Amino acid sequence: MLEFIRCALEAEGVAHARPPRWEVGDDWYATARPAMDGLRIAEKSIELLCAPDLHSPTTAYAHALNQAVWQDRDGGNLVERLEPFKAEFLALARRSLT
């Protein structure tokens, strides 16, 4: 779970740093690709190792991060778009630890 949180925060940083225009192979992409690969691996680890009720919010948060990193922005606030997914994941993660 800690690895997923670390990877999610790294993906958020990549999303915030995304330039308006980027190309495969540029500096931003060279950071983004491994960050997103790590997030995908960490997401699958949650599915394998954690309680089933954590799977859906983990996948939803990872999907939202993936969209924030790779899709064109519609002018909306990135934090506002990600926060509901992040909050739900963290709430269920906290409950699963008790």
N, C-alpha and C. Protein backbone atom coordinates (compact mmCIF):
# COMPACT_ATOMS: atom_id res chain seq x y z
N MET A 1 0.83 -1.19 0.00
CA MET A 1 0.00 0.00 0.00
C MET A 1 0.88 1.26 0.00
N LEU A 2 1.95 1.22 0.77
CA LEU A 2 2.85 2.37 0.79
C LEU A 2 3.48 2.63 -0.57
N GLU A 3 3.79 1.57 -1.28
CA GLU A 3 4.37 1.74 -2.61
C GLU A 3 3.36 2.39 -3.56
N PHE A 4 2.09 2.00 -3.46
CA PHE A 4 1.08 2.63 -4.30
C PHE A 4 0.96 4.11 -3.97
N ILE A 5 0.95 4.45 -2.70
CA ILE A 5 0.86 5.86 -2.30
C ILE A 5 2.06 6.63 -2.83
N ARG A 6 3.26 6.08 -2.71
CA ARG A 6 4.46 6.74 -3.22
C ARG A 6 4.35 6.96 -4.73
N CYS A 7 3.93 5.93 -5.44
CA CYS A 7 3.81 6.03 -6.90
C CYS A 7 2.72 7.01 -7.30
N ALA A 8 1.61 7.03 -6.55
CA ALA A 8 0.53 7.96 -6.85
C ALA A 8 0.99 9.41 -6.67
N LEU A 9 1.73 9.66 -5.61
CA LEU A 9 2.24 11.02 -5.40
C LEU A 9 3.24 11.42 -6.48
N GLU A 10 4.05 10.46 -6.91
CA GLU A 10 4.97 10.73 -8.01
C GLU A 10 4.20 11.04 -9.29
N ALA A 11 3.14 10.29 -9.55
CA ALA A 11 2.32 10.53 -10.74
C ALA A 11 1.64 11.90 -10.66
N GLU A 12 1.20 12.29 -9.48
CA GLU A 12 0.61 13.62 -9.32
C GLU A 12 1.63 14.70 -9.68
N GLY A 13 2.85 14.52 -9.21
CA GLY A 13 3.91 15.48 -9.54
C GLY A 13 4.15 15.56 -11.03
N VAL A 14 4.15 14.42 -11.69
CA VAL A 14 4.34 14.38 -13.14
C VAL A 14 3.18 15.10 -13.83
N ALA A 15 1.96 14.88 -13.34
CA ALA A 15 0.79 15.54 -13.94
C ALA A 15 0.90 17.05 -13.79
N HIS A 16 1.32 17.51 -12.62
CA HIS A 16 1.46 18.96 -12.40
C HIS A 16 2.56 19.55 -13.27
N ALA A 17 3.59 18.78 -13.55
CA ALA A 17 4.73 19.28 -14.33
C ALA A 17 4.53 19.14 -15.84
N ARG A 18 3.44 18.54 -16.24
CA ARG A 18 3.21 18.29 -17.67
C ARG A 18 3.21 19.59 -18.46
N PRO A 19 4.05 19.65 -19.47
CA PRO A 19 4.06 20.86 -20.31
C PRO A 19 2.85 20.86 -21.25
N PRO A 20 2.49 22.01 -21.77
CA PRO A 20 1.35 22.07 -22.69
C PRO A 20 1.55 21.19 -23.92
N ARG A 21 2.78 21.09 -24.37
CA ARG A 21 3.11 20.23 -25.52
C ARG A 21 4.28 19.35 -25.13
N TRP A 22 4.16 18.08 -25.43
CA TRP A 22 5.25 17.14 -25.14
C TRP A 22 5.30 16.11 -26.24
N GLU A 23 6.43 15.44 -26.32
CA GLU A 23 6.62 14.39 -27.32
C GLU A 23 7.28 13.19 -26.66
N VAL A 24 7.01 12.02 -27.21
CA VAL A 24 7.67 10.81 -26.74
C VAL A 24 9.17 11.02 -26.86
N GLY A 25 9.86 10.76 -25.77
CA GLY A 25 11.31 10.90 -25.77
C GLY A 25 11.82 12.20 -25.17
N ASP A 26 10.97 13.21 -24.97
CA ASP A 26 11.47 14.44 -24.37
C ASP A 26 11.69 14.24 -22.87
N ASP A 27 12.23 15.25 -22.20
CA ASP A 27 12.59 15.13 -20.79
C ASP A 27 11.38 14.79 -19.91
N TRP A 28 10.26 15.48 -20.15
CA TRP A 28 9.07 15.21 -19.33
C TRP A 28 8.63 13.77 -19.52
N TYR A 29 8.56 13.31 -20.74
CA TYR A 29 8.15 11.94 -21.02
C TYR A 29 9.09 10.94 -20.36
N ALA A 30 10.38 11.23 -20.36
CA ALA A 30 11.37 10.34 -19.76
C ALA A 30 11.15 10.19 -18.25
N THR A 31 10.49 11.14 -17.63
CA THR A 31 10.12 11.04 -16.22
C THR A 31 8.73 10.42 -16.08
N ALA A 32 7.81 10.81 -16.95
CA ALA A 32 6.42 10.38 -16.85
C ALA A 32 6.26 8.88 -17.08
N ARG A 33 6.90 8.35 -18.11
CA ARG A 33 6.70 6.94 -18.46
C ARG A 33 7.06 5.99 -17.31
N PRO A 34 8.24 6.10 -16.69
CA PRO A 34 8.54 5.19 -15.59
C PRO A 34 7.66 5.43 -14.36
N ALA A 35 7.26 6.67 -14.15
CA ALA A 35 6.37 6.96 -13.01
C ALA A 35 5.03 6.24 -13.20
N MET A 36 4.50 6.29 -14.40
CA MET A 36 3.21 5.66 -14.67
C MET A 36 3.33 4.14 -14.71
N ASP A 37 4.45 3.63 -15.19
CA ASP A 37 4.67 2.18 -15.14
C ASP A 37 4.71 1.71 -13.69
N GLY A 38 5.40 2.46 -12.83
CA GLY A 38 5.44 2.12 -11.41
C GLY A 38 4.08 2.16 -10.76
N LEU A 39 3.26 3.14 -11.14
CA LEU A 39 1.91 3.24 -10.60
C LEU A 39 1.09 2.01 -11.00
N ARG A 40 1.20 1.60 -12.24
CA ARG A 40 0.44 0.43 -12.71
C ARG A 40 0.87 -0.83 -11.94
N ILE A 41 2.15 -1.01 -11.73
CA ILE A 41 2.64 -2.18 -10.99
C ILE A 41 2.13 -2.13 -9.54
N ALA A 42 2.21 -0.95 -8.93
CA ALA A 42 1.75 -0.80 -7.55
C ALA A 42 0.24 -1.03 -7.45
N GLU A 43 -0.51 -0.58 -8.45
CA GLU A 43 -1.96 -0.81 -8.47
C GLU A 43 -2.25 -2.31 -8.50
N LYS A 44 -1.55 -3.04 -9.33
CA LYS A 44 -1.76 -4.49 -9.43
C LYS A 44 -1.35 -5.19 -8.13
N SER A 45 -0.36 -4.65 -7.44
CA SER A 45 0.05 -5.22 -6.15
C SER A 45 -1.05 -5.06 -5.11
N ILE A 46 -1.75 -3.94 -5.14
CA ILE A 46 -2.89 -3.74 -4.22
C ILE A 46 -3.94 -4.80 -4.49
N GLU A 47 -4.23 -5.06 -5.76
CA GLU A 47 -5.22 -6.08 -6.11
C GLU A 47 -4.80 -7.45 -5.59
N LEU A 48 -3.53 -7.74 -5.67
CA LEU A 48 -3.03 -9.05 -5.26
C LEU A 48 -2.93 -9.19 -3.75
N LEU A 49 -2.50 -8.15 -3.05
CA LEU A 49 -2.13 -8.28 -1.65
C LEU A 49 -3.11 -7.69 -0.64
N CYS A 50 -4.03 -6.87 -1.08
CA CYS A 50 -4.91 -6.16 -0.14
C CYS A 50 -6.35 -6.65 -0.22
N ALA A 51 -7.14 -6.20 0.74
CA ALA A 51 -8.56 -6.58 0.82
C ALA A 51 -9.30 -6.18 -0.46
N PRO A 52 -10.24 -7.00 -0.89
CA PRO A 52 -10.98 -6.72 -2.13
C PRO A 52 -11.69 -5.37 -2.16
N ASP A 53 -12.14 -4.85 -1.02
CA ASP A 53 -12.86 -3.57 -1.04
C ASP A 53 -11.94 -2.39 -1.37
N LEU A 54 -10.64 -2.62 -1.39
CA LEU A 54 -9.69 -1.57 -1.74
C LEU A 54 -9.40 -1.52 -3.24
N HIS A 55 -9.77 -2.57 -3.96
CA HIS A 55 -9.46 -2.65 -5.40
C HIS A 55 -10.11 -1.54 -6.21
N SER A 56 -11.39 -1.35 -6.04
CA SER A 56 -12.11 -0.38 -6.86
C SER A 56 -11.61 1.06 -6.66
N PRO A 57 -11.45 1.54 -5.42
CA PRO A 57 -10.94 2.90 -5.28
C PRO A 57 -9.50 3.05 -5.73
N THR A 58 -8.71 2.00 -5.62
CA THR A 58 -7.33 2.04 -6.10
C THR A 58 -7.32 2.20 -7.61
N THR A 59 -8.12 1.40 -8.29
CA THR A 59 -8.20 1.47 -9.75
C THR A 59 -8.74 2.82 -10.21
N ALA A 60 -9.76 3.33 -9.52
CA ALA A 60 -10.33 4.63 -9.89
C ALA A 60 -9.30 5.75 -9.74
N TYR A 61 -8.55 5.73 -8.66
CA TYR A 61 -7.52 6.75 -8.43
C TYR A 61 -6.41 6.62 -9.47
N ALA A 62 -5.97 5.42 -9.74
CA ALA A 62 -4.92 5.21 -10.75
C ALA A 62 -5.40 5.66 -12.13
N HIS A 63 -6.65 5.36 -12.45
CA HIS A 63 -7.21 5.78 -13.74
C HIS A 63 -7.26 7.31 -13.83
N ALA A 64 -7.69 7.96 -12.76
CA ALA A 64 -7.75 9.42 -12.75
C ALA A 64 -6.35 10.02 -12.92
N LEU A 65 -5.36 9.43 -12.27
CA LEU A 65 -3.98 9.89 -12.42
C LEU A 65 -3.49 9.67 -13.85
N ASN A 66 -3.81 8.52 -14.42
CA ASN A 66 -3.42 8.23 -15.80
C ASN A 66 -4.00 9.27 -16.76
N GLN A 67 -5.25 9.60 -16.57
CA GLN A 67 -5.87 10.61 -17.42
C GLN A 67 -5.22 11.98 -17.21
N ALA A 68 -4.91 12.31 -15.96
CA ALA A 68 -4.30 13.60 -15.66
C ALA A 68 -2.93 13.73 -16.30
N VAL A 69 -2.21 12.63 -16.39
CA VAL A 69 -0.87 12.66 -16.97
C VAL A 69 -0.93 12.68 -18.50
N TRP A 70 -1.74 11.82 -19.11
CA TRP A 70 -1.66 11.62 -20.56
C TRP A 70 -2.69 12.38 -21.38
N GLN A 71 -3.82 12.74 -20.80
CA GLN A 71 -4.89 13.36 -21.60
C GLN A 71 -4.77 14.87 -21.58
N ASP A 72 -5.26 15.51 -22.63
CA ASP A 72 -5.28 16.97 -22.68
C ASP A 72 -6.17 17.50 -21.56
N ARG A 73 -5.73 18.59 -20.98
CA ARG A 73 -6.50 19.20 -19.90
C ARG A 73 -7.62 20.03 -20.48
N ASP A 74 -8.74 20.03 -19.78
CA ASP A 74 -9.89 20.80 -20.22
C ASP A 74 -9.96 22.15 -19.51
N GLY A 75 -8.86 22.55 -18.92
CA GLY A 75 -8.83 23.83 -18.22
C GLY A 75 -9.24 23.72 -16.76
N GLY A 76 -9.70 22.55 -16.33
CA GLY A 76 -10.10 22.37 -14.94
C GLY A 76 -8.91 22.28 -14.00
N ASN A 77 -9.18 22.44 -12.73
CA ASN A 77 -8.15 22.37 -11.70
C ASN A 77 -7.78 20.92 -11.46
N LEU A 78 -6.51 20.61 -11.61
CA LEU A 78 -6.02 19.24 -11.47
C LEU A 78 -6.27 18.70 -10.07
N VAL A 79 -5.99 19.48 -9.06
CA VAL A 79 -6.19 19.04 -7.67
C VAL A 79 -7.66 18.69 -7.43
N GLU A 80 -8.55 19.54 -7.89
CA GLU A 80 -9.98 19.30 -7.71
C GLU A 80 -10.43 18.04 -8.44
N ARG A 81 -9.83 17.74 -9.57
CA ARG A 81 -10.20 16.53 -10.32
C ARG A 81 -9.72 15.27 -9.62
N LEU A 82 -8.54 15.33 -9.01
CA LEU A 82 -7.96 14.13 -8.40
C LEU A 82 -8.41 13.90 -6.96
N GLU A 83 -8.73 14.96 -6.25
CA GLU A 83 -8.99 14.86 -4.81
C GLU A 83 -10.08 13.85 -4.42
N PRO A 84 -11.21 13.79 -5.10
CA PRO A 84 -12.23 12.80 -4.69
C PRO A 84 -11.72 11.36 -4.77
N PHE A 85 -10.97 11.04 -5.79
CA PHE A 85 -10.42 9.68 -5.95
C PHE A 85 -9.37 9.39 -4.88
N LYS A 86 -8.53 10.38 -4.64
CA LYS A 86 -7.48 10.25 -3.64
C LYS A 86 -8.09 10.09 -2.25
N ALA A 87 -9.07 10.91 -1.93
CA ALA A 87 -9.71 10.86 -0.61
C ALA A 87 -10.39 9.51 -0.38
N GLU A 88 -11.10 9.01 -1.38
CA GLU A 88 -11.76 7.72 -1.22
C GLU A 88 -10.74 6.61 -1.02
N PHE A 89 -9.69 6.60 -1.82
CA PHE A 89 -8.65 5.59 -1.65
C PHE A 89 -8.05 5.66 -0.26
N LEU A 90 -7.65 6.85 0.19
CA LEU A 90 -7.00 6.98 1.48
C LEU A 90 -7.92 6.59 2.63
N ALA A 91 -9.18 6.93 2.53
CA ALA A 91 -10.15 6.56 3.59
C ALA A 91 -10.25 5.03 3.70
N LEU A 92 -10.39 4.37 2.59
CA LEU A 92 -10.50 2.90 2.62
C LEU A 92 -9.18 2.25 3.00
N ALA A 93 -8.08 2.83 2.58
CA ALA A 93 -6.76 2.30 2.96
C ALA A 93 -6.59 2.40 4.47
N ARG A 94 -6.97 3.52 5.04
CA ARG A 94 -6.89 3.71 6.49
C ARG A 94 -7.73 2.66 7.22
N ARG A 95 -8.96 2.48 6.76
CA ARG A 95 -9.86 1.48 7.38
C ARG A 95 -9.29 0.07 7.28
N SER A 96 -8.65 -0.23 6.18
CA SER A 96 -8.13 -1.59 6.00
C SER A 96 -6.96 -1.88 6.93
N LEU A 97 -6.33 -0.84 7.45
CA LEU A 97 -5.21 -1.02 8.36
C LEU A 97 -5.63 -1.23 9.81
N THR A 98 -6.88 -0.98 10.11
CA THR A 98 -7.34 -1.14 11.50
C THR A 98 -7.93 -2.49 11.75
